[in-house]
């Protein structure tokens, strides 16, 4: 199973530039954010917007399908099939299998600081704690989230406890460039449970079998393989090329 999943953990080198001083590849910027003049991601967004959106239900199903593959590769063969609800503040939201459909919610951005190489979380929205408790997550940031445009396009595949509809972010700028708007009426959230990040044989390993960033990369690539257009096409691939699984050079 892991060999079958391996291609989805591959970064597309076309979304990166080579920095000679740091001797590594880094994600290209977006025109409209800071002083970037490289239009690679902007032009890709325009091309993706010309593709027909895939229905929300299919996108949700594809995400769930791939996360089940991750669970199976970790030794959990029984599928996670369930219908449930979760209370976030005063509102109830629907859980279907591995994900949550969250409607009409506003999110406060996390705040933190760096202590050397360690990031310290000073504040995050309490709704992430409710998700953490419901799914028995190791960290409030162990989630994938998916936001869409008003025309039904998937805007971005993201991870961590920073759900937002910021029009000044890279994905927000790209959505504006294609003359669409971010749809803040709902968001798909998929908690990354211990069965997704650790194997059945080594549940207490110091190292995770899959990091959140790796699952974000793989899920985004799986959606692409299924024909789902993503406006911020390269964002889920990470800030730099890791070369853990190679790259499409």
C-alpha atoms as a PDB file:
ATOM      1  CA  UNK A   1       0.000   0.000   0.000  1.00  0.00           C
ATOM      2  CA  UNK A   2       2.759   2.469   0.870  1.00  0.00           C
ATOM      3  CA  UNK A   3       4.339   1.959  -2.563  1.00  0.00           C
ATOM      4  CA  UNK A   4       0.982   2.729  -4.172  1.00  0.00           C
ATOM      5  CA  UNK A   5       0.710   5.962  -2.176  1.00  0.00           C
ATOM      6  CA  UNK A   6       4.277   7.078  -2.828  1.00  0.00           C
ATOM      7  CA  UNK A   7       3.579   9.062  -6.048  1.00  0.00           C
ATOM      8  CA  UNK A   8       1.170  11.349  -4.196  1.00  0.00           C
ATOM      9  CA  UNK A   9       3.972  12.504  -1.891  1.00  0.00           C
ATOM     10  CA  UNK A  10       5.888  13.976  -4.840  1.00  0.00           C
ATOM     11  CA  UNK A  11       6.271  17.738  -5.176  1.00  0.00           C
ATOM     12  CA  UNK A  12       5.951  19.402  -8.579  1.00  0.00           C
ATOM     13  CA  UNK A  13       9.231  21.229  -9.164  1.00  0.00           C
ATOM     14  CA  UNK A  14       7.522  23.661 -11.533  1.00  0.00           C
ATOM     15  CA  UNK A  15       6.042  25.434  -8.528  1.00  0.00           C
ATOM     16  CA  UNK A  16       9.489  26.111  -7.064  1.00  0.00           C
ATOM     17  CA  UNK A  17      12.543  28.242  -7.771  1.00  0.00           C
ATOM     18  CA  UNK A  18      16.157  27.427  -6.996  1.00  0.00           C
ATOM     19  CA  UNK A  19      17.914  29.657  -4.453  1.00  0.00           C
ATOM     20  CA  UNK A  20      21.652  29.531  -5.117  1.00  0.00           C
ATOM     21  CA  UNK A  21      22.605  31.011  -1.732  1.00  0.00           C
ATOM     22  CA  UNK A  22      20.588  28.436   0.210  1.00  0.00           C
ATOM     23  CA  UNK A  23      21.214  25.698  -2.376  1.00  0.00           C
ATOM     24  CA  UNK A  24      17.618  24.513  -2.324  1.00  0.00           C
ATOM     25  CA  UNK A  25      14.235  24.847  -4.042  1.00  0.00           C
ATOM     26  CA  UNK A  26      11.567  27.087  -2.482  1.00  0.00           C
ATOM     27  CA  UNK A  27       7.894  27.675  -3.308  1.00  0.00           C
ATOM     28  CA  UNK A  28       7.351  30.487  -5.779  1.00  0.00           C
ATOM     29  CA  UNK A  29       5.500  33.562  -4.566  1.00  0.00           C
ATOM     30  CA  UNK A  30       2.255  35.098  -5.824  1.00  0.00           C
ATOM     31  CA  UNK A  31       2.052  38.389  -7.720  1.00  0.00           C
ATOM     32  CA  UNK A  32       0.060  40.677  -5.450  1.00  0.00           C
ATOM     33  CA  UNK A  33       1.701  39.393  -2.268  1.00  0.00           C
ATOM     34  CA  UNK A  34       4.798  41.325  -1.152  1.00  0.00           C
ATOM     35  CA  UNK A  35       7.128  42.176  -4.057  1.00  0.00           C
ATOM     36  CA  UNK A  36       6.745  38.993  -6.118  1.00  0.00           C
ATOM     37  CA  UNK A  37       6.980  39.342  -9.912  1.00  0.00           C
ATOM     38  CA  UNK A  38       6.952  35.621 -10.779  1.00  0.00           C
ATOM     39  CA  UNK A  39       3.556  34.794 -12.328  1.00  0.00           C
ATOM     40  CA  UNK A  40       3.879  30.990 -12.271  1.00  0.00           C
ATOM     41  CA  UNK A  41       1.269  30.488  -9.538  1.00  0.00           C
ATOM     42  CA  UNK A  42      -0.974  33.265 -10.863  1.00  0.00           C
ATOM     43  CA  UNK A  43      -0.993  31.831 -14.388  1.00  0.00           C
ATOM     44  CA  UNK A  44      -1.642  28.339 -13.005  1.00  0.00           C
ATOM     45  CA  UNK A  45      -4.647  29.687 -11.084  1.00  0.00           C
ATOM     46  CA  UNK A  46      -6.087  31.165 -14.287  1.00  0.00           C
ATOM     47  CA  UNK A  47      -5.717  27.809 -16.058  1.00  0.00           C
ATOM     48  CA  UNK A  48      -7.303  25.933 -13.153  1.00  0.00           C
ATOM     49  CA  UNK A  49     -10.244  28.343 -13.093  1.00  0.00           C
ATOM     50  CA  UNK A  50     -11.045  27.437 -16.706  1.00  0.00           C
ATOM     51  CA  UNK A  51     -11.723  23.856 -15.588  1.00  0.00           C
ATOM     52  CA  UNK A  52     -15.198  22.954 -14.390  1.00  0.00           C
ATOM     53  CA  UNK A  53     -15.543  22.730 -10.603  1.00  0.00           C
ATOM     54  CA  UNK A  54     -16.058  19.253  -9.170  1.00  0.00           C
ATOM     55  CA  UNK A  55     -19.168  18.923  -6.940  1.00  0.00           C
ATOM     56  CA  UNK A  56     -18.509  19.436  -3.238  1.00  0.00           C
ATOM     57  CA  UNK A  57     -19.771  15.939  -2.449  1.00  0.00           C
ATOM     58  CA  UNK A  58     -17.208  14.359  -4.785  1.00  0.00           C
ATOM     59  CA  UNK A  59     -14.354  16.451  -3.384  1.00  0.00           C
ATOM     60  CA  UNK A  60     -15.357  15.401   0.130  1.00  0.00           C
ATOM     61  CA  UNK A  61     -15.549  11.766  -0.957  1.00  0.00           C
ATOM     62  CA  UNK A  62     -12.091  11.879  -2.602  1.00  0.00           C
ATOM     63  CA  UNK A  63     -10.503  13.372   0.527  1.00  0.00           C
ATOM     64  CA  UNK A  64     -12.120  10.741   2.713  1.00  0.00           C
ATOM     65  CA  UNK A  65     -11.108   8.010   0.264  1.00  0.00           C
ATOM     66  CA  UNK A  66      -7.443   8.962   0.391  1.00  0.00           C
ATOM     67  CA  UNK A  67      -7.355   9.290   4.172  1.00  0.00           C
ATOM     68  CA  UNK A  68      -8.771   5.760   4.349  1.00  0.00           C
ATOM     69  CA  UNK A  69      -5.830   4.643   2.199  1.00  0.00           C
ATOM     70  CA  UNK A  70      -3.486   6.312   4.687  1.00  0.00           C
ATOM     71  CA  UNK A  71      -5.198   4.530   7.573  1.00  0.00           C
ATOM     72  CA  UNK A  72      -4.941   1.212   5.747  1.00  0.00           C
ATOM     73  CA  UNK A  73      -1.241   1.758   5.019  1.00  0.00           C
ATOM     74  CA  UNK A  74      -0.773   2.260   8.772  1.00  0.00           C
ATOM     75  CA  UNK A  75      -2.381  -1.102   9.526  1.00  0.00           C
ATOM     76  CA  UNK A  76      -6.004  -0.083  10.168  1.00  0.00           C
ATOM     77  CA  UNK A  77      -8.071  -2.149   7.736  1.00  0.00           C
ATOM     78  CA  UNK A  78     -11.542  -1.409   9.133  1.00  0.00           C
ATOM     79  CA  UNK A  79     -12.989   1.672   7.427  1.00  0.00           C
ATOM     80  CA  UNK A  80     -14.133   4.579   9.562  1.00  0.00           C
ATOM     81  CA  UNK A  81     -17.812   4.848   8.575  1.00  0.00           C
ATOM     82  CA  UNK A  82     -19.994   7.039  10.759  1.00  0.00           C
ATOM     83  CA  UNK A  83     -22.482   9.876  10.960  1.00  0.00           C
ATOM     84  CA  UNK A  84     -22.144  12.097  14.009  1.00  0.00           C
ATOM     85  CA  UNK A  85     -22.237  15.730  15.105  1.00  0.00           C
ATOM     86  CA  UNK A  86     -19.894  18.097  16.882  1.00  0.00           C
ATOM     87  CA  UNK A  87     -20.762  21.193  18.893  1.00  0.00           C
ATOM     88  CA  UNK A  88     -18.519  24.179  18.177  1.00  0.00           C
ATOM     89  CA  UNK A  89     -19.488  27.010  20.485  1.00  0.00           C
ATOM     90  CA  UNK A  90     -23.270  27.316  20.031  1.00  0.00           C
ATOM     91  CA  UNK A  91     -23.571  25.564  16.679  1.00  0.00           C
ATOM     92  CA  UNK A  92     -23.817  21.916  15.702  1.00  0.00           C
ATOM     93  CA  UNK A  93     -22.012  20.558  12.652  1.00  0.00           C
ATOM     94  CA  UNK A  94     -22.107  17.260  10.796  1.00  0.00           C
ATOM     95  CA  UNK A  95     -19.398  14.607  10.910  1.00  0.00           C
ATOM     96  CA  UNK A  96     -19.371  12.165   7.996  1.00  0.00           C
ATOM     97  CA  UNK A  97     -16.773   9.384   8.210  1.00  0.00           C
ATOM     98  CA  UNK A  98     -13.380  11.136   8.660  1.00  0.00           C
ATOM     99  CA  UNK A  99     -14.421  14.738   8.146  1.00  0.00           C
ATOM    100  CA  UNK A 100     -16.590  17.595   9.369  1.00  0.00           C
ATOM    101  CA  UNK A 101     -18.743  19.961   7.323  1.00  0.00           C
ATOM    102  CA  UNK A 102     -18.596  23.214   9.260  1.00  0.00           C
ATOM    103  CA  UNK A 103     -21.049  25.960   8.321  1.00  0.00           C
ATOM    104  CA  UNK A 104     -21.379  29.618   9.251  1.00  0.00           C
ATOM    105  CA  UNK A 105     -18.355  29.743  11.531  1.00  0.00           C
ATOM    106  CA  UNK A 106     -15.819  32.491  12.058  1.00  0.00           C
ATOM    107  CA  UNK A 107     -12.322  31.592  13.186  1.00  0.00           C
ATOM    108  CA  UNK A 108      -9.754  33.546  15.160  1.00  0.00           C
ATOM    109  CA  UNK A 109      -6.219  33.252  13.834  1.00  0.00           C
ATOM    110  CA  UNK A 110      -3.620  31.608  16.104  1.00  0.00           C
ATOM    111  CA  UNK A 111      -0.822  33.586  17.710  1.00  0.00           C
ATOM    112  CA  UNK A 112       2.595  32.326  18.725  1.00  0.00           C
ATOM    113  CA  UNK A 113       6.305  32.956  18.817  1.00  0.00           C
ATOM    114  CA  UNK A 114       9.578  31.171  18.126  1.00  0.00           C
ATOM    115  CA  UNK A 115      11.963  30.039  20.821  1.00  0.00           C
ATOM    116  CA  UNK A 116      14.999  29.006  18.820  1.00  0.00           C
ATOM    117  CA  UNK A 117      13.766  26.325  16.410  1.00  0.00           C
ATOM    118  CA  UNK A 118      10.645  25.597  18.450  1.00  0.00           C
ATOM    119  CA  UNK A 119       7.319  27.314  17.751  1.00  0.00           C
ATOM    120  CA  UNK A 120       5.286  28.117  20.862  1.00  0.00           C
ATOM    121  CA  UNK A 121       1.503  28.365  20.505  1.00  0.00           C
ATOM    122  CA  UNK A 122       0.337  31.347  22.576  1.00  0.00           C
ATOM    123  CA  UNK A 123      -3.287  31.353  21.451  1.00  0.00           C
ATOM    124  CA  UNK A 124      -5.668  29.493  19.144  1.00  0.00           C
ATOM    125  CA  UNK A 125      -9.418  29.462  18.635  1.00  0.00           C
ATOM    126  CA  UNK A 126     -11.140  27.221  21.214  1.00  0.00           C
ATOM    127  CA  UNK A 127     -13.057  25.454  18.454  1.00  0.00           C
ATOM    128  CA  UNK A 128      -9.841  23.638  17.555  1.00  0.00           C
ATOM    129  CA  UNK A 129      -9.716  22.273  21.100  1.00  0.00           C
ATOM    130  CA  UNK A 130     -13.245  20.929  20.694  1.00  0.00           C
ATOM    131  CA  UNK A 131     -12.175  19.150  17.480  1.00  0.00           C
ATOM    132  CA  UNK A 132      -9.030  17.861  19.203  1.00  0.00           C
ATOM    133  CA  UNK A 133     -11.082  16.383  22.063  1.00  0.00           C
ATOM    134  CA  UNK A 134     -13.729  14.872  19.792  1.00  0.00           C
ATOM    135  CA  UNK A 135     -11.185  13.094  17.578  1.00  0.00           C
ATOM    136  CA  UNK A 136      -8.529  12.474  20.226  1.00  0.00           C
ATOM    137  CA  UNK A 137      -5.905  14.428  18.275  1.00  0.00           C
ATOM    138  CA  UNK A 138      -2.369  14.919  19.512  1.00  0.00           C
ATOM    139  CA  UNK A 139      -2.379  18.637  18.669  1.00  0.00           C
ATOM    140  CA  UNK A 140      -5.077  21.242  17.864  1.00  0.00           C
ATOM    141  CA  UNK A 141      -3.200  21.918  14.620  1.00  0.00           C
ATOM    142  CA  UNK A 142      -3.559  18.311  13.374  1.00  0.00           C
ATOM    143  CA  UNK A 143      -6.216  19.067  10.770  1.00  0.00           C
ATOM    144  CA  UNK A 144      -6.619  19.517   7.047  1.00  0.00           C
ATOM    145  CA  UNK A 145      -9.048  22.153   5.822  1.00  0.00           C
ATOM    146  CA  UNK A 146     -10.491  22.974   2.427  1.00  0.00           C
ATOM    147  CA  UNK A 147     -12.072  26.247   1.362  1.00  0.00           C
ATOM    148  CA  UNK A 148     -13.908  26.979  -1.859  1.00  0.00           C
ATOM    149  CA  UNK A 149     -14.879  29.894  -4.082  1.00  0.00           C
ATOM    150  CA  UNK A 150     -18.335  31.264  -4.767  1.00  0.00           C
ATOM    151  CA  UNK A 151     -18.219  29.459  -8.135  1.00  0.00           C
ATOM    152  CA  UNK A 152     -17.522  26.103  -6.499  1.00  0.00           C
ATOM    153  CA  UNK A 153     -13.800  25.822  -7.204  1.00  0.00           C
ATOM    154  CA  UNK A 154     -11.550  24.396  -4.502  1.00  0.00           C
ATOM    155  CA  UNK A 155      -9.466  27.411  -3.507  1.00  0.00           C
ATOM    156  CA  UNK A 156      -6.748  25.745  -1.461  1.00  0.00           C
ATOM    157  CA  UNK A 157      -5.758  22.613   0.439  1.00  0.00           C
ATOM    158  CA  UNK A 158      -4.320  23.592   3.812  1.00  0.00           C
ATOM    159  CA  UNK A 159      -3.287  22.232   7.180  1.00  0.00           C
ATOM    160  CA  UNK A 160      -2.954  23.577  10.747  1.00  0.00           C
ATOM    161  CA  UNK A 161      -5.258  25.587  13.003  1.00  0.00           C
ATOM    162  CA  UNK A 162      -5.369  28.727  10.864  1.00  0.00           C
ATOM    163  CA  UNK A 163      -8.673  28.547   8.967  1.00  0.00           C
ATOM    164  CA  UNK A 164      -9.288  31.919   7.353  1.00  0.00           C
ATOM    165  CA  UNK A 165     -10.834  33.745   4.411  1.00  0.00           C
ATOM    166  CA  UNK A 166      -8.140  36.402   4.156  1.00  0.00           C
ATOM    167  CA  UNK A 167      -8.258  38.010   0.708  1.00  0.00           C
ATOM    168  CA  UNK A 168      -4.686  39.243   1.184  1.00  0.00           C
ATOM    169  CA  UNK A 169      -3.300  35.714   1.583  1.00  0.00           C
ATOM    170  CA  UNK A 170      -1.809  33.938  -1.423  1.00  0.00           C
ATOM    171  CA  UNK A 171      -4.951  31.913  -2.049  1.00  0.00           C
ATOM    172  CA  UNK A 172      -7.145  34.982  -1.515  1.00  0.00           C
ATOM    173  CA  UNK A 173      -5.156  37.008  -4.049  1.00  0.00           C
ATOM    174  CA  UNK A 174      -5.342  34.173  -6.591  1.00  0.00           C
ATOM    175  CA  UNK A 175      -9.099  33.822  -6.124  1.00  0.00           C
ATOM    176  CA  UNK A 176      -9.523  37.556  -6.718  1.00  0.00           C
ATOM    177  CA  UNK A 177      -7.351  37.322  -9.832  1.00  0.00           C
ATOM    178  CA  UNK A 178      -9.710  34.782 -11.416  1.00  0.00           C
ATOM    179  CA  UNK A 179     -12.628  37.112 -10.618  1.00  0.00           C
ATOM    180  CA  UNK A 180     -14.150  34.834  -7.995  1.00  0.00           C
ATOM    181  CA  UNK A 181     -14.676  35.261  -4.253  1.00  0.00           C
ATOM    182  CA  UNK A 182     -13.940  33.057  -1.273  1.00  0.00           C
ATOM    183  CA  UNK A 183     -17.050  31.306   0.065  1.00  0.00           C
ATOM    184  CA  UNK A 184     -16.916  31.666   3.846  1.00  0.00           C
ATOM    185  CA  UNK A 185     -20.262  29.928   4.443  1.00  0.00           C
ATOM    186  CA  UNK A 186     -18.646  26.539   5.009  1.00  0.00           C
ATOM    187  CA  UNK A 187     -15.343  24.703   5.250  1.00  0.00           C
ATOM    188  CA  UNK A 188     -14.393  21.027   5.122  1.00  0.00           C
ATOM    189  CA  UNK A 189     -12.232  19.982   8.080  1.00  0.00           C
ATOM    190  CA  UNK A 190     -10.561  16.579   8.278  1.00  0.00           C
ATOM    191  CA  UNK A 191      -8.887  15.857  11.623  1.00  0.00           C
ATOM    192  CA  UNK A 192      -5.628  13.921  11.250  1.00  0.00           C
ATOM    193  CA  UNK A 193      -6.128  11.235  13.845  1.00  0.00           C
ATOM    194  CA  UNK A 194      -3.477   9.005  15.343  1.00  0.00           C
ATOM    195  CA  UNK A 195      -4.523   6.263  12.908  1.00  0.00           C
ATOM    196  CA  UNK A 196      -3.460   8.556  10.059  1.00  0.00           C
ATOM    197  CA  UNK A 197      -0.163   9.795  11.473  1.00  0.00           C
ATOM    198  CA  UNK A 198       1.042   6.631  13.268  1.00  0.00           C
ATOM    199  CA  UNK A 199       1.121   2.933  12.483  1.00  0.00           C
ATOM    200  CA  UNK A 200      -0.826   0.300  14.363  1.00  0.00           C
ATOM    201  CA  UNK A 201       2.427  -1.492  15.203  1.00  0.00           C
ATOM    202  CA  UNK A 202       4.189   1.614  16.562  1.00  0.00           C
ATOM    203  CA  UNK A 203       1.528   3.880  18.092  1.00  0.00           C
ATOM    204  CA  UNK A 204       3.979   5.487  20.527  1.00  0.00           C
ATOM    205  CA  UNK A 205       6.884   6.083  18.164  1.00  0.00           C
ATOM    206  CA  UNK A 206       8.761   9.362  18.707  1.00  0.00           C
ATOM    207  CA  UNK A 207       8.498  10.047  14.978  1.00  0.00           C
ATOM    208  CA  UNK A 208       5.231  10.202  13.094  1.00  0.00           C
ATOM    209  CA  UNK A 209       4.782   7.860  10.148  1.00  0.00           C
ATOM    210  CA  UNK A 210       3.285  10.791   8.246  1.00  0.00           C
ATOM    211  CA  UNK A 211       3.540  14.464   9.178  1.00  0.00           C
ATOM    212  CA  UNK A 212       0.597  16.804   8.677  1.00  0.00           C
ATOM    213  CA  UNK A 213       2.494  18.543   5.870  1.00  0.00           C
ATOM    214  CA  UNK A 214       3.092  15.225   4.105  1.00  0.00           C
ATOM    215  CA  UNK A 215      -0.584  14.266   4.283  1.00  0.00           C
ATOM    216  CA  UNK A 216      -1.549  17.744   3.061  1.00  0.00           C
ATOM    217  CA  UNK A 217       0.785  17.258   0.078  1.00  0.00           C
ATOM    218  CA  UNK A 218      -0.552  13.794  -0.722  1.00  0.00           C
ATOM    219  CA  UNK A 219      -4.245  14.653  -0.386  1.00  0.00           C
ATOM    220  CA  UNK A 220      -3.830  17.691  -2.648  1.00  0.00           C
ATOM    221  CA  UNK A 221      -2.060  15.608  -5.263  1.00  0.00           C
ATOM    222  CA  UNK A 222      -4.716  12.906  -5.020  1.00  0.00           C
ATOM    223  CA  UNK A 223      -7.418  15.499  -5.700  1.00  0.00           C
ATOM    224  CA  UNK A 224      -5.449  16.713  -8.718  1.00  0.00           C
ATOM    225  CA  UNK A 225      -5.206  13.125  -9.994  1.00  0.00           C
ATOM    226  CA  UNK A 226      -8.999  12.901  -9.714  1.00  0.00           C
ATOM    227  CA  UNK A 227      -9.464  15.984 -11.883  1.00  0.00           C
ATOM    228  CA  UNK A 228     -10.250  18.469  -9.105  1.00  0.00           C
ATOM    229  CA  UNK A 229      -9.060  21.982 -10.055  1.00  0.00           C
ATOM    230  CA  UNK A 230      -7.242  23.791  -7.236  1.00  0.00           C
ATOM    231  CA  UNK A 231      -6.865  27.545  -7.621  1.00  0.00           C
ATOM    232  CA  UNK A 232      -3.819  27.805  -5.336  1.00  0.00           C
ATOM    233  CA  UNK A 233      -2.396  24.780  -7.112  1.00  0.00           C
ATOM    234  CA  UNK A 234       1.061  24.569  -5.518  1.00  0.00           C
ATOM    235  CA  UNK A 235       0.326  25.691  -1.950  1.00  0.00           C
ATOM    236  CA  UNK A 236      -0.299  22.206  -0.527  1.00  0.00           C
ATOM    237  CA  UNK A 237       3.095  21.019  -1.779  1.00  0.00           C
ATOM    238  CA  UNK A 238       5.002  22.846   0.942  1.00  0.00           C
ATOM    239  CA  UNK A 239       7.367  25.789   1.270  1.00  0.00           C
ATOM    240  CA  UNK A 240      10.459  23.955   0.052  1.00  0.00           C
ATOM    241  CA  UNK A 241      11.380  20.773  -1.762  1.00  0.00           C
ATOM    242  CA  UNK A 242      12.084  18.067   0.791  1.00  0.00           C
ATOM    243  CA  UNK A 243      13.308  15.448  -1.681  1.00  0.00           C
ATOM    244  CA  UNK A 244      11.999  12.764   0.669  1.00  0.00           C
ATOM    245  CA  UNK A 245      10.200  11.137  -2.222  1.00  0.00           C
ATOM    246  CA  UNK A 246      11.868  12.941  -5.111  1.00  0.00           C
ATOM    247  CA  UNK A 247      10.424  15.659  -7.314  1.00  0.00           C
ATOM    248  CA  UNK A 248       9.112  16.061 -10.841  1.00  0.00           C
ATOM    249  CA  UNK A 249      12.196  17.538 -12.462  1.00  0.00           C
END
